[in-house]
N, C-alpha and C. Protein backbone atom coordinates (compact mmCIF):
# COMPACT_ATOMS: atom_id res chain seq x y z
N UNK A 1 -0.50 -14.49 17.59
CA UNK A 1 -0.59 -15.97 17.32
C UNK A 1 -0.25 -16.92 18.33
N UNK A 2 0.75 -16.54 19.06
CA UNK A 2 1.38 -17.38 20.04
C UNK A 2 0.31 -17.17 21.44
N UNK A 3 -0.10 -16.09 21.62
CA UNK A 3 -1.19 -15.86 22.56
C UNK A 3 -2.30 -16.74 22.55
N UNK A 4 -2.93 -16.69 21.26
CA UNK A 4 -4.14 -17.37 20.83
C UNK A 4 -3.81 -18.83 20.86
N UNK A 5 -2.65 -19.29 20.43
CA UNK A 5 -2.43 -20.68 20.56
C UNK A 5 -2.51 -21.26 21.94
N UNK A 6 -1.85 -20.50 22.94
CA UNK A 6 -1.87 -20.96 24.26
C UNK A 6 -3.27 -20.96 24.90
N UNK A 7 -4.10 -20.24 24.31
CA UNK A 7 -5.40 -20.11 24.91
C UNK A 7 -6.59 -20.93 24.18
N UNK A 8 -5.94 -21.85 23.11
CA UNK A 8 -6.60 -22.76 22.32
C UNK A 8 -7.64 -21.84 21.32
N UNK A 9 -7.30 -20.69 21.06
CA UNK A 9 -8.20 -19.86 20.12
C UNK A 9 -7.56 -19.60 18.80
N UNK A 10 -6.40 -20.20 18.54
CA UNK A 10 -5.74 -19.81 17.25
C UNK A 10 -6.53 -20.21 16.09
N UNK A 11 -7.43 -21.02 16.18
CA UNK A 11 -8.24 -21.59 14.97
C UNK A 11 -9.32 -20.47 14.66
N UNK A 12 -9.42 -19.57 15.65
CA UNK A 12 -10.37 -18.56 15.28
C UNK A 12 -9.66 -17.26 14.65
N UNK A 13 -8.53 -17.29 14.60
CA UNK A 13 -7.67 -16.08 14.16
C UNK A 13 -7.66 -16.14 12.60
N UNK A 14 -8.05 -15.09 12.05
CA UNK A 14 -7.84 -14.83 10.61
C UNK A 14 -7.05 -13.63 10.41
N UNK A 15 -5.83 -13.77 9.78
CA UNK A 15 -5.06 -12.63 9.47
C UNK A 15 -5.38 -12.16 8.13
N UNK A 16 -5.69 -10.91 8.00
CA UNK A 16 -6.07 -10.19 6.76
C UNK A 16 -5.03 -9.14 6.32
N UNK A 17 -4.12 -9.36 5.42
CA UNK A 17 -3.14 -8.39 5.19
C UNK A 17 -3.78 -7.33 4.13
N UNK A 18 -3.48 -6.10 4.31
CA UNK A 18 -3.84 -4.98 3.51
C UNK A 18 -2.87 -4.26 2.99
N UNK A 19 -2.89 -3.95 1.61
CA UNK A 19 -1.80 -3.13 1.09
C UNK A 19 -2.50 -1.87 0.72
N UNK A 20 -1.83 -0.75 0.73
CA UNK A 20 -2.25 0.46 0.28
C UNK A 20 -2.41 0.50 -1.14
N UNK A 21 -3.59 1.08 -1.61
CA UNK A 21 -3.93 1.04 -2.92
C UNK A 21 -3.46 2.27 -3.83
N UNK A 22 -3.16 3.38 -3.04
CA UNK A 22 -2.73 4.61 -3.57
C UNK A 22 -1.24 5.01 -3.11
N UNK A 23 -0.34 5.37 -3.92
CA UNK A 23 0.94 5.57 -3.44
C UNK A 23 0.96 6.80 -2.44
N UNK A 24 1.87 6.78 -1.55
CA UNK A 24 1.90 7.88 -0.49
C UNK A 24 3.31 8.23 -0.39
N UNK A 25 3.76 9.47 -0.46
CA UNK A 25 5.11 9.95 -0.40
C UNK A 25 5.28 11.10 0.40
N UNK A 26 6.48 11.36 0.82
CA UNK A 26 6.97 12.60 1.67
C UNK A 26 7.19 13.68 0.58
N UNK A 27 6.67 14.84 0.84
CA UNK A 27 7.02 16.05 0.00
C UNK A 27 7.71 17.01 0.63
N UNK A 28 8.22 18.00 0.12
CA UNK A 28 9.05 19.10 0.71
C UNK A 28 8.26 19.86 1.79
N UNK A 29 9.03 20.23 2.89
CA UNK A 29 8.35 20.88 4.07
C UNK A 29 7.81 22.45 3.52
N UNK A 30 6.98 22.81 4.28
CA UNK A 30 6.40 24.15 3.87
C UNK A 30 7.23 25.26 4.42
N UNK A 31 8.21 25.03 5.21
CA UNK A 31 9.07 26.17 5.72
C UNK A 31 8.49 27.12 6.43
N UNK A 32 7.32 26.72 7.24
CA UNK A 32 6.68 27.53 8.12
C UNK A 32 5.84 28.68 7.36
N UNK A 33 5.59 28.39 6.13
CA UNK A 33 4.88 29.31 5.24
C UNK A 33 3.28 28.78 4.85
N UNK A 34 2.49 29.41 5.73
CA UNK A 34 0.93 28.88 5.60
C UNK A 34 0.53 29.19 4.25
N UNK A 35 1.03 30.00 3.55
CA UNK A 35 0.55 30.53 2.23
C UNK A 35 0.86 29.37 1.22
N UNK A 36 1.73 28.32 1.53
CA UNK A 36 1.88 27.27 0.75
C UNK A 36 0.81 26.10 0.84
N UNK A 37 -0.11 26.38 1.70
CA UNK A 37 -1.16 25.35 1.83
C UNK A 37 -1.92 25.51 0.52
N UNK A 38 -2.64 24.27 -0.02
CA UNK A 38 -3.36 24.15 -1.02
C UNK A 38 -4.74 23.36 -0.64
N UNK A 39 -5.61 23.65 -1.70
CA UNK A 39 -7.07 22.84 -1.47
C UNK A 39 -6.70 21.35 -1.34
N UNK A 40 -7.50 20.89 -0.25
CA UNK A 40 -7.36 19.38 -0.03
C UNK A 40 -6.29 19.18 1.09
N UNK A 41 -5.55 20.21 1.58
CA UNK A 41 -4.60 19.97 2.60
C UNK A 41 -5.22 19.71 3.86
N UNK A 42 -4.67 18.91 4.76
CA UNK A 42 -5.04 18.62 6.12
C UNK A 42 -3.89 19.03 7.07
N UNK A 43 -4.03 20.01 7.98
CA UNK A 43 -2.93 20.23 8.92
C UNK A 43 -3.34 19.82 10.16
N UNK A 44 -2.44 18.95 10.66
CA UNK A 44 -2.59 18.17 11.85
C UNK A 44 -1.95 18.71 13.10
N UNK A 45 -2.62 18.96 14.15
CA UNK A 45 -2.20 19.52 15.47
C UNK A 45 -2.48 18.46 16.50
N UNK A 46 -1.83 18.78 17.70
CA UNK A 46 -2.11 17.74 18.77
C UNK A 46 -2.61 18.44 19.97
N UNK A 47 -3.45 19.49 19.88
CA UNK A 47 -4.12 20.03 20.98
C UNK A 47 -5.11 20.96 20.35
N UNK A 48 -6.17 21.14 21.20
CA UNK A 48 -7.35 21.83 20.80
C UNK A 48 -6.90 23.38 20.62
N UNK A 49 -6.01 23.79 21.52
CA UNK A 49 -5.57 25.13 21.59
C UNK A 49 -4.77 25.43 20.33
N UNK A 50 -3.93 24.35 19.83
CA UNK A 50 -3.22 24.60 18.68
C UNK A 50 -4.05 24.60 17.38
N UNK A 51 -5.11 23.76 17.59
CA UNK A 51 -5.99 23.67 16.30
C UNK A 51 -6.51 25.20 16.11
N UNK A 52 -7.09 25.84 17.00
CA UNK A 52 -7.67 27.17 16.97
C UNK A 52 -6.58 28.23 16.52
N UNK A 53 -5.48 28.12 17.03
CA UNK A 53 -4.36 29.05 16.75
C UNK A 53 -3.99 28.71 15.31
N UNK A 54 -3.79 27.61 14.81
CA UNK A 54 -3.45 27.23 13.40
C UNK A 54 -4.61 27.65 12.50
N UNK A 55 -5.77 27.39 12.80
CA UNK A 55 -6.96 27.77 11.78
C UNK A 55 -7.14 29.38 11.75
N UNK A 56 -6.87 30.03 12.91
CA UNK A 56 -6.82 31.48 12.74
C UNK A 56 -5.75 31.92 11.81
N UNK A 57 -4.43 31.34 11.99
CA UNK A 57 -3.34 31.77 11.23
C UNK A 57 -3.59 31.51 9.75
N UNK A 58 -4.12 30.35 9.42
CA UNK A 58 -4.35 30.00 8.05
C UNK A 58 -5.47 30.89 7.47
N UNK A 59 -6.40 31.18 8.16
CA UNK A 59 -7.43 32.10 7.55
C UNK A 59 -6.77 33.53 7.24
N UNK A 60 -5.90 33.91 8.24
CA UNK A 60 -5.30 35.19 7.87
C UNK A 60 -4.36 35.22 6.83
N UNK A 61 -3.71 34.18 6.53
CA UNK A 61 -2.53 34.05 5.52
C UNK A 61 -3.22 33.56 4.22
N UNK A 62 -4.38 32.92 4.25
CA UNK A 62 -5.16 32.51 3.03
C UNK A 62 -6.56 32.93 2.94
N UNK A 63 -6.78 34.32 2.77
CA UNK A 63 -8.08 34.84 2.94
C UNK A 63 -9.16 34.12 1.92
N UNK A 64 -8.77 33.48 0.86
CA UNK A 64 -9.68 32.98 0.04
C UNK A 64 -10.11 31.44 0.45
N UNK A 65 -9.37 30.89 1.41
CA UNK A 65 -9.58 29.55 1.87
C UNK A 65 -10.69 29.42 2.84
N UNK A 66 -11.46 28.37 2.79
CA UNK A 66 -12.49 27.93 3.89
C UNK A 66 -11.67 26.94 4.71
N UNK A 67 -11.73 27.20 6.04
CA UNK A 67 -10.94 26.25 6.92
C UNK A 67 -12.01 25.64 7.76
N UNK A 68 -11.92 24.35 7.74
CA UNK A 68 -12.78 23.52 8.42
C UNK A 68 -11.87 22.85 9.66
N UNK A 69 -12.60 22.76 10.80
CA UNK A 69 -12.04 22.14 11.93
C UNK A 69 -12.81 20.98 12.51
N UNK A 70 -11.92 19.87 12.82
CA UNK A 70 -12.45 18.48 13.28
C UNK A 70 -11.45 18.29 14.35
N UNK A 71 -12.01 17.88 15.60
CA UNK A 71 -11.24 17.18 16.70
C UNK A 71 -12.32 16.46 17.42
N UNK A 72 -11.82 15.48 18.27
CA UNK A 72 -12.56 14.54 19.05
C UNK A 72 -13.62 15.00 19.86
N UNK A 73 -13.39 16.19 20.52
CA UNK A 73 -14.36 16.81 21.56
C UNK A 73 -15.39 17.59 20.84
N UNK A 74 -15.44 17.76 19.49
CA UNK A 74 -16.53 18.47 18.94
C UNK A 74 -17.93 17.68 19.18
N UNK A 75 -19.02 18.39 19.29
CA UNK A 75 -20.34 17.67 19.11
C UNK A 75 -20.29 16.93 17.97
N UNK A 76 -20.99 15.83 17.91
CA UNK A 76 -21.16 14.91 16.69
C UNK A 76 -21.73 15.69 15.52
N UNK A 77 -22.76 16.35 15.58
CA UNK A 77 -23.39 17.03 14.50
C UNK A 77 -22.43 18.04 13.89
N UNK A 78 -21.72 18.80 14.67
CA UNK A 78 -20.73 19.79 14.35
C UNK A 78 -19.69 19.07 13.50
N UNK A 79 -19.14 18.11 14.13
CA UNK A 79 -18.06 17.42 13.43
C UNK A 79 -18.53 16.90 12.10
N UNK A 80 -19.70 16.35 12.01
CA UNK A 80 -20.18 15.82 10.77
C UNK A 80 -20.42 16.94 9.68
N UNK A 81 -20.85 18.09 10.18
CA UNK A 81 -21.00 19.30 9.29
C UNK A 81 -19.66 19.73 8.77
N UNK A 82 -18.66 19.86 9.55
CA UNK A 82 -17.34 20.23 9.30
C UNK A 82 -16.69 19.32 8.24
N UNK A 83 -16.95 18.06 8.46
CA UNK A 83 -16.34 16.95 7.56
C UNK A 83 -16.94 17.11 6.31
N UNK A 84 -18.27 17.25 6.22
CA UNK A 84 -18.99 17.22 4.96
C UNK A 84 -18.61 18.52 4.21
N UNK A 85 -18.61 19.71 4.93
CA UNK A 85 -18.15 20.84 4.09
C UNK A 85 -16.76 20.78 3.59
N UNK A 86 -15.91 20.24 4.27
CA UNK A 86 -14.62 19.87 3.70
C UNK A 86 -14.74 19.07 2.45
N UNK A 87 -15.21 17.96 2.69
CA UNK A 87 -15.25 17.06 1.50
C UNK A 87 -15.91 17.56 0.35
N UNK A 88 -17.22 18.13 0.56
CA UNK A 88 -17.84 18.74 -0.59
C UNK A 88 -17.06 20.00 -1.22
N UNK A 89 -16.55 20.80 -0.41
CA UNK A 89 -15.77 21.84 -0.98
C UNK A 89 -14.65 21.42 -1.84
N UNK A 90 -13.85 20.36 -1.50
CA UNK A 90 -12.74 19.90 -2.19
C UNK A 90 -13.20 19.22 -3.40
N UNK A 91 -14.31 18.51 -3.34
CA UNK A 91 -14.76 17.81 -4.69
C UNK A 91 -15.22 18.87 -5.64
N UNK A 92 -15.93 19.99 -5.23
CA UNK A 92 -16.34 21.06 -5.96
C UNK A 92 -15.21 21.85 -6.50
N UNK A 93 -13.98 21.67 -6.16
CA UNK A 93 -12.76 22.38 -6.56
C UNK A 93 -12.51 23.63 -5.79
N UNK A 94 -13.13 23.83 -4.65
CA UNK A 94 -12.96 25.05 -3.84
C UNK A 94 -11.58 24.96 -3.00
N UNK A 95 -11.24 25.95 -2.38
CA UNK A 95 -9.99 26.15 -1.62
C UNK A 95 -10.47 25.72 -0.16
N UNK A 96 -10.52 24.53 0.14
CA UNK A 96 -10.81 24.04 1.36
C UNK A 96 -9.65 23.38 2.17
N UNK A 97 -9.34 23.93 3.42
CA UNK A 97 -8.28 23.15 4.25
C UNK A 97 -8.88 22.74 5.56
N UNK A 98 -8.41 21.62 5.96
CA UNK A 98 -8.98 21.06 7.16
C UNK A 98 -7.90 20.99 8.21
N UNK A 99 -8.20 21.35 9.44
CA UNK A 99 -7.26 21.52 10.59
C UNK A 99 -7.93 20.53 11.67
N UNK A 100 -7.13 19.54 12.08
CA UNK A 100 -7.55 18.54 12.83
C UNK A 100 -6.46 18.01 13.78
N UNK A 101 -6.98 16.96 14.57
CA UNK A 101 -5.96 16.39 15.56
C UNK A 101 -5.64 15.01 14.97
N UNK A 102 -4.84 14.20 15.56
CA UNK A 102 -4.38 12.92 15.02
C UNK A 102 -5.53 11.86 15.06
N UNK A 103 -6.64 12.40 15.70
CA UNK A 103 -7.94 11.52 15.64
C UNK A 103 -8.36 11.20 14.20
N UNK A 104 -7.93 12.10 13.30
CA UNK A 104 -8.28 11.91 11.88
C UNK A 104 -7.76 10.59 11.38
N UNK A 105 -6.70 10.09 12.04
CA UNK A 105 -6.19 8.78 11.61
C UNK A 105 -7.00 7.52 11.69
N UNK A 106 -8.02 7.59 12.59
CA UNK A 106 -8.81 6.39 12.78
C UNK A 106 -10.26 6.43 12.18
N UNK A 107 -10.17 5.89 10.99
CA UNK A 107 -11.57 5.57 10.43
C UNK A 107 -12.14 6.60 9.40
N UNK A 108 -11.54 7.69 9.37
CA UNK A 108 -12.12 8.79 8.51
C UNK A 108 -11.56 8.62 7.08
N UNK A 109 -12.26 8.55 6.01
CA UNK A 109 -11.88 8.53 4.79
C UNK A 109 -12.35 9.89 4.14
N UNK A 110 -11.46 10.79 3.68
CA UNK A 110 -11.80 12.12 3.41
C UNK A 110 -10.87 12.47 2.24
N UNK A 111 -11.39 13.62 1.51
CA UNK A 111 -10.75 14.10 0.33
C UNK A 111 -9.51 14.84 0.76
N UNK A 112 -8.53 14.31 1.24
CA UNK A 112 -7.27 14.90 1.55
C UNK A 112 -6.18 14.52 0.64
N UNK A 113 -5.56 15.54 0.16
CA UNK A 113 -4.52 15.46 -0.95
C UNK A 113 -3.09 15.35 -0.10
N UNK A 114 -3.00 16.14 0.99
CA UNK A 114 -1.69 16.10 1.60
C UNK A 114 -2.02 16.41 3.18
N UNK A 115 -1.21 15.61 3.93
CA UNK A 115 -1.20 15.67 5.32
C UNK A 115 -0.02 16.67 5.76
N UNK A 116 -0.23 17.71 6.57
CA UNK A 116 0.86 18.66 6.82
C UNK A 116 0.79 18.61 8.52
N UNK A 117 1.98 17.76 8.98
CA UNK A 117 2.12 17.98 10.31
C UNK A 117 2.63 19.25 10.97
N UNK A 118 1.84 19.83 11.80
CA UNK A 118 2.30 21.10 12.38
C UNK A 118 3.44 20.99 13.32
N UNK A 119 3.59 19.85 13.90
CA UNK A 119 4.70 19.40 14.77
C UNK A 119 4.82 17.87 14.71
N UNK A 120 6.02 17.49 15.07
CA UNK A 120 6.22 15.98 15.35
C UNK A 120 6.21 15.50 16.75
N UNK A 121 5.76 16.39 17.62
CA UNK A 121 5.68 16.04 19.13
C UNK A 121 4.35 16.21 19.53
N UNK A 122 3.97 15.41 20.61
CA UNK A 122 2.76 15.56 21.15
C UNK A 122 2.86 15.13 22.74
N UNK A 123 1.85 15.76 23.53
CA UNK A 123 1.71 15.38 24.94
C UNK A 123 1.00 14.04 25.18
N UNK A 124 1.82 13.12 25.72
CA UNK A 124 1.26 11.86 26.01
C UNK A 124 0.63 11.60 27.30
N UNK A 125 0.28 12.68 28.00
CA UNK A 125 -0.35 12.59 29.33
C UNK A 125 0.62 12.83 30.53
N UNK A 126 1.94 12.66 30.18
CA UNK A 126 2.96 13.03 31.22
C UNK A 126 4.12 13.96 30.62
N UNK A 127 4.31 13.99 29.36
CA UNK A 127 5.34 14.90 28.80
C UNK A 127 5.21 14.91 27.35
N UNK A 128 5.96 15.71 26.80
CA UNK A 128 6.10 15.94 25.27
C UNK A 128 6.95 14.79 24.62
N UNK A 129 6.40 14.02 23.82
CA UNK A 129 7.15 12.94 23.19
C UNK A 129 7.20 13.09 21.56
N UNK A 130 8.16 12.46 20.97
CA UNK A 130 8.10 12.58 19.51
C UNK A 130 7.16 11.50 19.10
N UNK A 131 6.47 11.86 17.86
CA UNK A 131 5.51 10.82 17.42
C UNK A 131 6.23 9.54 16.99
N UNK A 132 5.50 8.36 17.32
CA UNK A 132 5.97 7.09 16.88
C UNK A 132 5.87 7.08 15.41
N UNK A 133 6.74 6.04 14.88
CA UNK A 133 6.58 5.73 13.45
C UNK A 133 5.27 5.26 13.03
N UNK A 134 4.60 4.54 13.95
CA UNK A 134 3.28 3.93 13.54
C UNK A 134 2.18 5.09 13.50
N UNK A 135 2.31 6.01 14.44
CA UNK A 135 1.55 7.29 14.46
C UNK A 135 1.65 8.05 13.14
N UNK A 136 2.95 8.33 12.83
CA UNK A 136 3.22 9.08 11.68
C UNK A 136 2.55 8.46 10.45
N UNK A 137 2.75 7.18 10.33
CA UNK A 137 2.25 6.53 9.16
C UNK A 137 0.74 6.49 9.14
N UNK A 138 0.13 6.19 10.28
CA UNK A 138 -1.27 6.19 10.43
C UNK A 138 -1.94 7.49 10.06
N UNK A 139 -1.29 8.53 10.48
CA UNK A 139 -1.78 9.91 10.28
C UNK A 139 -1.68 10.19 8.77
N UNK A 140 -0.48 10.06 8.26
CA UNK A 140 -0.20 10.42 6.86
C UNK A 140 -0.99 9.51 5.95
N UNK A 141 -1.28 8.34 6.29
CA UNK A 141 -2.13 7.50 5.57
C UNK A 141 -3.58 8.08 5.14
N UNK A 142 -3.88 9.10 5.64
CA UNK A 142 -5.23 9.70 5.48
C UNK A 142 -5.27 10.38 4.07
N UNK A 143 -3.92 10.64 3.62
CA UNK A 143 -4.03 11.46 2.26
C UNK A 143 -4.03 10.45 1.11
N UNK A 144 -4.69 10.92 0.16
CA UNK A 144 -4.74 10.12 -1.14
C UNK A 144 -5.34 8.74 -0.98
N UNK A 145 -6.66 8.64 -0.36
CA UNK A 145 -7.31 7.46 -0.10
C UNK A 145 -7.98 6.95 -1.49
N UNK A 146 -8.01 5.63 -1.56
CA UNK A 146 -8.64 4.96 -2.71
C UNK A 146 -10.16 5.36 -2.60
N UNK A 147 -10.64 5.65 -3.80
CA UNK A 147 -12.13 6.02 -4.04
C UNK A 147 -12.40 7.41 -3.70
N UNK A 148 -11.44 8.14 -3.26
CA UNK A 148 -11.71 9.53 -3.03
C UNK A 148 -11.15 10.40 -4.15
N UNK A 149 -11.24 11.79 -4.00
CA UNK A 149 -10.86 12.68 -5.07
C UNK A 149 -9.42 12.52 -5.49
N UNK A 150 -8.57 12.48 -4.46
CA UNK A 150 -7.07 12.45 -4.68
C UNK A 150 -6.53 10.97 -4.65
N UNK A 151 -7.15 10.11 -5.36
CA UNK A 151 -6.87 8.74 -5.38
C UNK A 151 -5.73 8.32 -6.34
N UNK A 152 -5.13 9.42 -6.93
CA UNK A 152 -3.82 9.03 -7.68
C UNK A 152 -2.57 8.96 -6.80
N UNK A 153 -2.42 9.68 -5.71
CA UNK A 153 -1.30 9.79 -4.95
C UNK A 153 -1.60 10.73 -3.74
N UNK A 154 -0.99 10.29 -2.58
CA UNK A 154 -1.36 11.21 -1.38
C UNK A 154 0.07 11.46 -1.04
N UNK A 155 0.17 12.63 -0.24
CA UNK A 155 1.40 13.24 0.23
C UNK A 155 1.47 13.58 1.73
N UNK A 156 2.63 13.54 2.28
CA UNK A 156 2.68 13.94 3.81
C UNK A 156 3.90 14.88 3.76
N UNK A 157 3.82 15.90 4.62
CA UNK A 157 4.91 16.75 4.85
C UNK A 157 4.81 17.39 6.29
N UNK A 158 5.82 18.37 6.56
CA UNK A 158 5.64 19.03 7.85
C UNK A 158 5.66 20.58 7.49
N UNK A 159 5.11 21.18 8.52
CA UNK A 159 5.03 22.69 8.46
C UNK A 159 6.28 23.28 8.46
N UNK A 160 7.25 22.75 9.28
CA UNK A 160 8.61 23.30 9.70
C UNK A 160 9.70 22.33 9.22
N UNK A 161 10.75 22.99 8.77
CA UNK A 161 11.86 22.21 8.27
C UNK A 161 12.55 21.31 9.32
N UNK A 162 12.59 21.78 10.66
CA UNK A 162 13.32 20.91 11.51
C UNK A 162 12.51 19.58 12.04
N UNK A 163 11.15 19.48 11.59
CA UNK A 163 10.50 18.21 11.73
C UNK A 163 10.47 17.24 10.58
N UNK A 164 11.05 17.78 9.47
CA UNK A 164 10.96 16.98 8.27
C UNK A 164 11.78 15.71 8.25
N UNK A 165 12.89 15.71 8.94
CA UNK A 165 13.73 14.56 8.91
C UNK A 165 13.04 13.40 9.76
N UNK A 166 12.37 13.74 10.83
CA UNK A 166 11.46 12.76 11.71
C UNK A 166 10.46 11.97 10.77
N UNK A 167 9.68 12.91 9.97
CA UNK A 167 8.67 12.24 9.10
C UNK A 167 9.37 11.43 8.01
N UNK A 168 10.44 11.78 7.55
CA UNK A 168 11.15 11.03 6.48
C UNK A 168 11.63 9.68 7.01
N UNK A 169 12.17 9.79 8.20
CA UNK A 169 12.56 8.54 8.89
C UNK A 169 11.33 7.49 9.09
N UNK A 170 10.23 8.11 9.48
CA UNK A 170 9.14 7.26 9.65
C UNK A 170 8.74 6.39 8.40
N UNK A 171 8.99 6.96 7.22
CA UNK A 171 8.62 6.33 6.03
C UNK A 171 9.69 5.26 5.61
N UNK A 172 10.81 5.23 6.29
CA UNK A 172 11.80 4.28 5.87
C UNK A 172 11.81 2.98 6.65
N UNK A 173 12.16 1.97 6.00
CA UNK A 173 12.27 0.63 6.77
C UNK A 173 10.82 0.04 7.04
N UNK A 174 10.91 -1.06 7.68
CA UNK A 174 9.61 -1.63 8.04
C UNK A 174 9.05 -1.21 9.45
N UNK A 175 7.92 -1.53 9.84
CA UNK A 175 7.35 -1.16 11.14
C UNK A 175 7.91 -1.94 12.20
N UNK A 176 8.19 -1.52 13.47
CA UNK A 176 8.82 -2.39 14.50
C UNK A 176 7.58 -3.45 14.79
N UNK A 177 8.07 -4.59 15.13
CA UNK A 177 7.07 -5.70 15.62
C UNK A 177 6.42 -5.31 16.81
N UNK A 178 5.25 -5.78 16.91
CA UNK A 178 4.52 -5.53 18.17
C UNK A 178 4.89 -6.61 19.14
N UNK A 179 5.58 -6.13 20.34
CA UNK A 179 6.05 -7.17 21.27
C UNK A 179 5.15 -7.36 22.49
N UNK A 180 4.10 -6.53 22.57
CA UNK A 180 3.04 -6.81 23.69
C UNK A 180 1.87 -5.99 23.23
N UNK A 181 0.71 -6.53 23.84
CA UNK A 181 -0.54 -5.87 23.66
C UNK A 181 -1.45 -5.99 24.91
N UNK A 182 -2.46 -5.35 24.90
CA UNK A 182 -3.51 -5.51 25.98
C UNK A 182 -4.76 -6.32 25.51
N UNK A 183 -5.26 -7.07 26.32
CA UNK A 183 -6.51 -7.84 26.09
C UNK A 183 -7.47 -7.63 27.16
N UNK A 184 -8.73 -7.26 26.91
CA UNK A 184 -9.56 -7.00 27.93
C UNK A 184 -10.49 -8.31 27.92
N UNK A 185 -10.60 -9.01 29.04
CA UNK A 185 -11.48 -10.06 29.14
C UNK A 185 -13.00 -9.77 28.73
N UNK A 186 -13.72 -10.60 28.04
CA UNK A 186 -15.15 -10.45 27.86
C UNK A 186 -15.89 -10.67 29.07
N UNK A 187 -17.13 -10.38 29.01
CA UNK A 187 -18.01 -10.76 30.28
C UNK A 187 -18.06 -12.29 30.45
N UNK A 188 -17.85 -13.06 29.39
CA UNK A 188 -17.82 -14.62 29.48
C UNK A 188 -16.69 -14.94 30.19
């Protein structure tokens, strides 16, 4: 608001608050046991290598499950097919599990019952860092979406016990204020 006030554009600003329509809560960690995965679960990893490793482990531990994989580098038609197969399978009551990156957090509404973080750390281009509170909440927020199959309640948890406290802390208190942001000038 202050930035737009100083550029005489504050009158163009519309603040639209959004509230989550479906409750979201942290559930118990899976204790490293891939057999505790259920239909509609989404396991989140932070590298393509980890996605393929996890999907193979999940298939081995849950032979009845159909595992769908979605990540940003997939060709569009493959990504759409995997997404559709997961959504349709879950709606039909089949045992479908999704393995994806944190890219799931941006714009996809899917039939996800529970987000399972495989880790609470990711490579930021320079080093391994802990996930920020906003990233945790944005990714976890894909579970239990309004208008989807699991619209009564969404869940988030971790695959490993040692990551669970980090996720729980992300759900506590309010989000930190945004103190800076980037603005790219338009061609005008």
